[in-house]
Amino acid sequence: MIELETRDVNVNGIRLHVTALGKGPLVLLCHGFPETSHVWRRQLPALAQAGFRAVAPDLRGYGGSECPSDVAAFTTMDVIGDLVALVESEHAKDAVIVGGDWGASIAWLAAQLRPDVFRAVAALGVPMMRRAPVMPSRLFPRTESAVFYTHYFNEPGLAEQEFEQDVSATLRAIYFAASGQAGPRDDPRTPNPFGMVTNGQGLLDSLPIPAELPPWLTQSDLDVFVQSFKTSGFRGGLNYYRNLDRNWALQAALDGKNVDVPALFLVGERDTGLAIPGMGRIIEAMPDIVPQLRATKMIPGAGHWLQQEAPQEVNKALVDFLQGNLGS
């Protein structure tokens, strides 16, 4: 059995818990919500075997990493500052950055902002897109009867109270509903945790709790996630959503700037994001703002948790991309 390295590292004025494996060119792996570095458990050995140094942090506010008390300390710029310092702590000049869900958004922005540090990017689930013409709080829908889930997350304490009542049930419901096992995204019967929340209800009220875990998630792996969120709570992860407008304002300085490093985009055929109107056009337009986009690959049958649901396909795509563009 492969023994992963784990340690705490102080970077950018914050303590991060890091899991790592291998020697060679550095690859940073950034998780999403509600996840931790444990989502990369199947990528770390594959990347190490291919000749790379793979490092997966619990991002600030998650798992074993420090969770600042100030909501404003969770902008994408703060997180990228952590990652830049993490590269330095690895005694490396630069790194390839890989991310899924929130980690994908962070990875795209990191490569756009600091191509000198992040020399290539691979994103899972979330495409690179231009800055919206209006701030997210005005862009995302709100009706008389329901609000988009980001509005629900924006209320301090509300989602925390719901999610922390039964952490295991929360994660089982969200993980299943956004997975390929939940069903096709064009089927209105398929649950979606990242959609509208009915007024007076919680996000979980519309999600089934599966009787059995999906085949890609063992009970022992779920237990790792559950223990992490029992320890950290959900406040840190939710604070990323509470900075969406602040991120939008900060990113004005990057308007019109492309991502000018080699890039790879992977998405599951049943990813929740594909149900968003216009997402297909956004993905098709990516080469305009990511001129070195090497490939866009859709993974059949997979949902939003791509690196867990389809690890072999993701590992092959990542290793081929890394070796084809960088060498090992």
Protein backbone atom coordinates (compact mmCIF):
# COMPACT_ATOMS: atom_id res chain seq x y z
CA MET A 1 0.00 0.00 0.00
CA ILE A 2 1.35 3.43 -0.97
CA GLU A 3 2.08 5.69 1.99
CA LEU A 4 1.08 9.28 1.27
CA GLU A 5 3.03 12.12 2.85
CA THR A 6 1.03 14.43 5.10
CA ARG A 7 2.23 17.57 6.82
CA ASP A 8 1.26 21.05 7.91
CA VAL A 9 2.99 23.99 6.24
CA ASN A 10 2.87 27.69 7.08
CA VAL A 11 2.42 29.77 3.92
CA ASN A 12 1.09 33.26 3.29
CA GLY A 13 0.38 33.74 7.00
CA ILE A 14 -1.81 30.63 7.22
CA ARG A 15 -1.35 26.97 8.10
CA LEU A 16 -2.31 24.50 5.37
CA HIS A 17 -2.60 20.74 5.72
CA VAL A 18 -0.99 19.08 2.69
CA THR A 19 -0.94 15.57 1.24
CA ALA A 20 1.82 14.76 -1.25
CA LEU A 21 3.58 12.00 -3.14
CA GLY A 22 6.39 11.61 -5.64
CA LYS A 23 9.43 13.44 -6.97
CA GLY A 24 9.79 15.56 -10.07
CA PRO A 25 8.09 18.61 -11.56
CA LEU A 26 5.47 20.00 -9.19
CA VAL A 27 1.72 19.52 -9.74
CA LEU A 28 -0.73 21.23 -7.34
CA LEU A 29 -4.19 19.68 -6.96
CA CYS A 30 -7.02 21.94 -5.75
CA HIS A 31 -10.32 20.50 -4.51
CA GLY A 32 -13.81 22.01 -4.53
CA PHE A 33 -16.90 22.20 -2.30
CA PRO A 34 -17.79 20.26 -0.23
CA GLU A 35 -14.53 18.37 -0.49
CA THR A 36 -10.97 18.15 0.86
CA SER A 37 -7.63 17.04 -0.54
CA HIS A 38 -8.87 13.45 -0.12
CA VAL A 39 -10.65 13.76 -3.50
CA TRP A 40 -7.23 13.41 -5.15
CA ARG A 41 -6.44 10.07 -3.46
CA ARG A 42 -6.44 8.26 -6.82
CA GLN A 43 -4.49 10.93 -8.72
CA LEU A 44 -1.57 11.29 -6.29
CA PRO A 45 -0.13 7.79 -6.92
CA ALA A 46 -0.71 7.98 -10.68
CA LEU A 47 1.07 11.31 -11.00
CA ALA A 48 3.92 10.19 -8.75
CA GLN A 49 4.38 7.01 -10.81
CA ALA A 50 4.50 9.15 -13.96
CA GLY A 51 7.43 11.14 -12.57
CA PHE A 52 5.78 14.14 -10.94
CA ARG A 53 5.63 15.62 -7.46
CA ALA A 54 1.88 15.79 -6.68
CA VAL A 55 0.78 18.03 -3.81
CA ALA A 56 -2.84 18.36 -2.68
CA PRO A 57 -3.61 20.93 0.03
CA ASP A 58 -6.76 21.27 2.06
CA LEU A 59 -7.55 24.81 0.89
CA ARG A 60 -7.92 27.48 3.57
CA GLY A 61 -11.00 26.84 5.67
CA TYR A 62 -11.18 23.13 4.85
CA GLY A 63 -10.14 19.91 6.56
CA GLY A 64 -6.95 20.21 8.56
CA SER A 65 -6.09 23.69 7.30
CA GLU A 66 -6.57 26.92 9.19
CA CYS A 67 -9.89 28.74 8.87
CA PRO A 68 -9.60 32.54 9.22
CA SER A 69 -12.40 34.20 11.17
CA ASP A 70 -12.85 37.04 8.67
CA VAL A 71 -15.25 36.23 5.81
CA ALA A 72 -13.28 38.61 3.58
CA ALA A 73 -10.19 36.37 3.90
CA PHE A 74 -11.64 33.84 1.44
CA THR A 75 -11.31 35.59 -1.91
CA THR A 76 -9.71 33.76 -4.82
CA MET A 77 -6.78 36.15 -4.51
CA ASP A 78 -6.16 34.99 -0.93
CA VAL A 79 -6.24 31.36 -2.01
CA ILE A 80 -3.90 31.99 -4.94
CA GLY A 81 -1.55 33.72 -2.53
CA ASP A 82 -1.51 30.52 -0.47
CA LEU A 83 -0.73 28.45 -3.57
CA VAL A 84 2.07 30.72 -4.77
CA ALA A 85 3.67 30.40 -1.34
CA LEU A 86 3.08 26.64 -1.36
CA VAL A 87 5.09 26.36 -4.60
CA GLU A 88 7.94 28.21 -2.89
CA SER A 89 7.68 25.94 0.17
CA GLU A 90 8.24 22.99 -2.17
CA HIS A 91 11.50 24.65 -3.32
CA ALA A 92 10.11 24.81 -6.84
CA LYS A 93 10.20 27.63 -9.39
CA ASP A 94 6.81 26.81 -10.82
CA ALA A 95 4.03 24.22 -10.96
CA VAL A 96 1.17 22.87 -13.01
CA ILE A 97 -2.13 23.65 -11.30
CA VAL A 98 -5.06 21.25 -11.48
CA GLY A 99 -8.48 21.93 -10.01
CA GLY A 100 -12.04 20.66 -9.83
CA ASP A 101 -15.21 22.61 -8.99
CA TRP A 102 -14.09 25.68 -6.96
CA GLY A 103 -10.54 24.43 -7.43
CA ALA A 104 -10.99 24.74 -11.20
CA SER A 105 -12.08 28.38 -10.91
CA ILE A 106 -9.06 29.05 -8.71
CA ALA A 107 -6.74 27.19 -11.10
CA TRP A 108 -7.91 29.18 -14.14
CA LEU A 109 -7.46 32.48 -12.32
CA ALA A 110 -4.06 31.45 -10.94
CA ALA A 111 -2.80 30.61 -14.44
CA GLN A 112 -4.25 33.85 -15.81
CA LEU A 113 -2.75 35.95 -13.03
CA ARG A 114 0.64 34.25 -12.50
CA PRO A 115 1.76 32.34 -15.62
CA ASP A 116 5.32 32.70 -14.31
CA VAL A 117 4.40 30.44 -11.37
CA PHE A 118 1.66 28.26 -12.87
CA ARG A 119 3.05 27.10 -16.20
CA ALA A 120 0.08 24.96 -17.20
CA VAL A 121 -3.48 24.38 -16.00
CA ALA A 122 -5.96 21.52 -16.05
CA ALA A 123 -9.55 22.17 -15.00
CA LEU A 124 -12.29 19.66 -14.18
CA GLY A 125 -15.93 20.64 -14.57
CA VAL A 126 -15.67 24.43 -14.66
CA PRO A 127 -14.58 26.09 -17.93
CA MET A 128 -12.65 29.32 -18.25
CA MET A 129 -15.03 32.19 -18.99
CA ARG A 130 -14.92 35.95 -19.33
CA ARG A 131 -15.83 38.10 -16.34
CA ALA A 132 -19.58 38.60 -16.22
CA PRO A 133 -20.95 42.05 -17.12
CA VAL A 134 -22.64 42.34 -13.70
CA MET A 135 -21.74 41.06 -10.24
CA PRO A 136 -22.89 37.53 -9.34
CA SER A 137 -25.47 38.66 -6.78
CA ARG A 138 -27.31 40.40 -9.62
CA LEU A 139 -26.62 37.74 -12.22
CA PHE A 140 -27.86 34.63 -10.41
CA PRO A 141 -31.64 34.16 -10.39
CA ARG A 142 -34.03 35.01 -7.58
CA THR A 143 -37.79 34.57 -7.89
CA GLU A 144 -40.75 35.08 -5.57
CA SER A 145 -40.63 31.42 -4.57
CA ALA A 146 -36.96 30.40 -4.78
CA VAL A 147 -33.35 31.62 -4.93
CA PHE A 148 -30.27 30.27 -6.67
CA TYR A 149 -28.18 28.20 -4.26
CA THR A 150 -25.41 30.83 -4.09
CA HIS A 151 -27.90 33.29 -2.56
CA TYR A 152 -28.83 30.65 0.00
CA PHE A 153 -25.15 30.07 0.82
CA ASN A 154 -24.60 33.82 1.18
CA GLU A 155 -26.67 34.06 4.39
CA PRO A 156 -24.19 33.63 7.29
CA GLY A 157 -25.03 30.64 9.45
CA LEU A 158 -28.02 29.42 7.43
CA ALA A 159 -26.44 26.66 5.36
CA GLU A 160 -24.02 25.83 8.18
CA GLN A 161 -26.94 25.03 10.48
CA GLU A 162 -28.57 22.82 7.88
CA PHE A 163 -25.44 20.98 6.75
CA GLU A 164 -23.98 20.36 10.21
CA GLN A 165 -27.08 18.70 11.68
CA ASP A 166 -26.05 15.41 10.06
CA VAL A 167 -22.76 15.72 8.19
CA SER A 168 -22.91 12.19 6.79
CA ALA A 169 -26.42 12.66 5.38
CA THR A 170 -25.42 16.06 3.95
CA LEU A 171 -22.44 14.70 2.07
CA ARG A 172 -24.22 11.57 0.87
CA ALA A 173 -27.06 13.68 -0.53
CA ILE A 174 -24.85 16.26 -2.27
CA TYR A 175 -22.34 13.76 -3.58
CA PHE A 176 -25.05 11.53 -5.06
CA ALA A 177 -27.16 14.34 -6.53
CA ALA A 178 -24.22 15.82 -8.46
CA SER A 179 -22.85 12.45 -9.58
CA GLY A 180 -23.42 10.56 -12.79
CA GLN A 181 -25.50 8.00 -10.85
CA ALA A 182 -28.20 10.63 -10.23
CA GLY A 183 -29.23 10.55 -13.89
CA PRO A 184 -28.97 12.58 -17.10
CA ARG A 185 -28.82 16.34 -16.63
CA ASP A 186 -31.50 16.95 -19.25
CA ASP A 187 -33.99 14.87 -17.23
CA PRO A 188 -36.08 17.13 -14.94
CA ARG A 189 -36.29 14.27 -12.43
CA THR A 190 -32.51 14.34 -11.86
CA PRO A 191 -31.74 16.11 -8.56
CA ASN A 192 -29.33 19.05 -8.65
CA PRO A 193 -27.75 20.41 -5.46
CA PHE A 194 -26.49 23.45 -7.36
CA GLY A 195 -29.80 24.85 -8.53
CA MET A 196 -32.71 26.72 -6.97
CA VAL A 197 -33.61 26.53 -3.27
CA THR A 198 -37.28 27.01 -2.40
CA ASN A 199 -37.99 29.84 0.04
CA GLY A 200 -38.46 28.55 3.57
CA GLN A 201 -36.67 25.30 2.80
CA GLY A 202 -33.06 24.14 2.81
CA LEU A 203 -30.89 22.94 -0.03
CA LEU A 204 -31.11 19.36 1.21
CA ASP A 205 -34.92 19.26 1.27
CA SER A 206 -35.09 18.53 -2.46
CA LEU A 207 -32.26 15.96 -2.49
CA PRO A 208 -32.67 12.22 -1.93
CA ILE A 209 -30.38 10.45 0.51
CA PRO A 210 -29.30 7.31 -1.37
CA ALA A 211 -29.77 3.96 0.32
CA GLU A 212 -26.36 2.90 -0.99
CA LEU A 213 -23.19 4.84 -1.73
CA PRO A 214 -22.28 5.37 -5.39
CA PRO A 215 -19.73 2.84 -6.65
CA TRP A 216 -16.87 5.37 -6.69
CA LEU A 217 -17.22 6.21 -2.96
CA THR A 218 -16.38 3.64 -0.29
CA GLN A 219 -17.66 3.93 3.25
CA SER A 220 -14.11 4.46 4.52
CA ASP A 221 -13.57 7.33 2.06
CA LEU A 222 -16.90 8.91 3.03
CA ASP A 223 -15.84 8.59 6.68
CA VAL A 224 -12.71 10.63 5.91
CA PHE A 225 -14.80 13.44 4.41
CA VAL A 226 -17.34 13.29 7.25
CA GLN A 227 -14.65 13.51 9.92
CA SER A 228 -13.03 16.45 8.13
CA PHE A 229 -16.28 18.44 8.06
CA LYS A 230 -17.18 17.47 11.62
CA THR A 231 -13.84 18.97 12.60
CA SER A 232 -13.84 22.08 10.40
CA GLY A 233 -17.55 22.69 9.90
CA PHE A 234 -18.82 24.12 6.62
CA ARG A 235 -18.20 27.82 7.33
CA GLY A 236 -14.83 28.00 5.58
CA GLY A 237 -16.11 26.42 2.37
CA LEU A 238 -19.27 28.53 2.35
CA ASN A 239 -17.20 31.69 2.78
CA TYR A 240 -15.85 31.18 -0.74
CA TYR A 241 -19.39 31.78 -2.01
CA ARG A 242 -19.74 34.82 0.25
CA ASN A 243 -16.90 36.45 -1.68
CA LEU A 244 -18.32 36.01 -5.18
CA ASP A 245 -19.07 39.73 -5.56
CA ARG A 246 -15.71 40.68 -4.08
CA ASN A 247 -13.94 38.30 -6.48
CA TRP A 248 -15.84 39.86 -9.38
CA ALA A 249 -14.68 43.34 -8.34
CA LEU A 250 -11.06 42.27 -7.91
CA GLN A 251 -10.97 40.53 -11.28
CA ALA A 252 -11.72 43.77 -13.11
CA ALA A 253 -7.95 44.24 -13.26
CA LEU A 254 -7.72 41.12 -15.46
CA ASP A 255 -10.42 42.08 -17.97
CA GLY A 256 -9.34 41.16 -21.47
CA LYS A 257 -6.37 39.05 -20.34
CA ASN A 258 -6.12 35.53 -21.74
CA VAL A 259 -4.87 32.38 -20.08
CA ASP A 260 -1.58 32.06 -21.92
CA VAL A 261 -0.29 28.69 -20.72
CA PRO A 262 -1.02 25.14 -21.95
CA ALA A 263 -4.44 24.02 -20.72
CA LEU A 264 -6.68 20.98 -20.50
CA PHE A 265 -10.41 20.88 -19.77
CA LEU A 266 -12.26 17.76 -18.63
CA VAL A 267 -15.97 17.52 -17.87
CA GLY A 268 -18.33 14.69 -17.02
CA GLU A 269 -21.15 14.00 -19.45
CA ARG A 270 -23.57 14.35 -16.51
CA ASP A 271 -21.92 17.29 -14.77
CA THR A 272 -24.45 19.60 -13.08
CA GLY A 273 -22.82 22.60 -14.74
CA LEU A 274 -23.86 21.42 -18.19
CA ALA A 275 -27.49 22.09 -17.24
CA ILE A 276 -26.78 25.84 -16.94
CA PRO A 277 -28.19 27.70 -19.96
CA GLY A 278 -25.42 28.75 -22.34
CA MET A 279 -22.76 26.48 -20.81
CA GLY A 280 -22.23 24.69 -24.13
CA ARG A 281 -21.45 27.99 -25.85
CA ILE A 282 -19.07 28.97 -23.04
CA ILE A 283 -17.12 25.73 -23.48
CA GLU A 284 -17.02 26.11 -27.27
CA ALA A 285 -15.69 29.68 -26.89
CA MET A 286 -12.83 28.73 -24.57
CA PRO A 287 -10.11 28.71 -27.27
CA ASP A 288 -10.69 32.45 -27.72
CA ILE A 289 -9.48 33.13 -24.17
CA VAL A 290 -7.32 30.02 -23.69
CA PRO A 291 -5.33 29.98 -26.96
CA GLN A 292 -3.14 27.07 -25.77
CA LEU A 293 -6.09 24.85 -24.87
CA ARG A 294 -4.78 21.41 -25.84
CA ALA A 295 -8.05 19.49 -25.49
CA THR A 296 -11.59 19.52 -24.17
CA LYS A 297 -12.69 16.03 -23.19
CA MET A 298 -16.11 14.85 -22.03
CA ILE A 299 -16.09 11.73 -19.86
CA PRO A 300 -19.10 9.49 -20.62
CA GLY A 301 -21.46 8.73 -17.73
CA ALA A 302 -19.52 10.80 -15.17
CA GLY A 303 -20.92 13.64 -13.12
CA HIS A 304 -19.45 16.57 -11.21
CA TRP A 305 -17.00 14.66 -8.97
CA LEU A 306 -14.94 13.69 -11.98
CA GLN A 307 -11.62 12.74 -10.38
CA GLN A 308 -13.46 10.37 -8.03
CA GLU A 309 -16.03 9.03 -10.49
CA ALA A 310 -13.68 8.37 -13.40
CA PRO A 311 -10.17 8.19 -11.92
CA GLN A 312 -8.62 6.09 -14.69
CA GLU A 313 -9.83 8.42 -17.43
CA VAL A 314 -8.77 11.51 -15.48
CA ASN A 315 -5.37 10.05 -14.62
CA LYS A 316 -4.65 9.14 -18.23
CA ALA A 317 -5.73 12.56 -19.50
CA LEU A 318 -3.63 14.36 -16.89
CA VAL A 319 -0.51 12.25 -17.42
CA ASP A 320 -0.77 12.53 -21.22
CA PHE A 321 -1.22 16.30 -20.92
CA LEU A 322 1.69 16.70 -18.52
CA GLN A 323 4.10 14.48 -20.41
CA GLY A 324 3.06 15.84 -23.79
CA ASN A 325 3.55 19.48 -22.82
CA LEU A 326 6.12 19.45 -20.04
CA GLY A 327 8.08 16.23 -19.86
CA SER A 328 8.62 14.46 -16.55
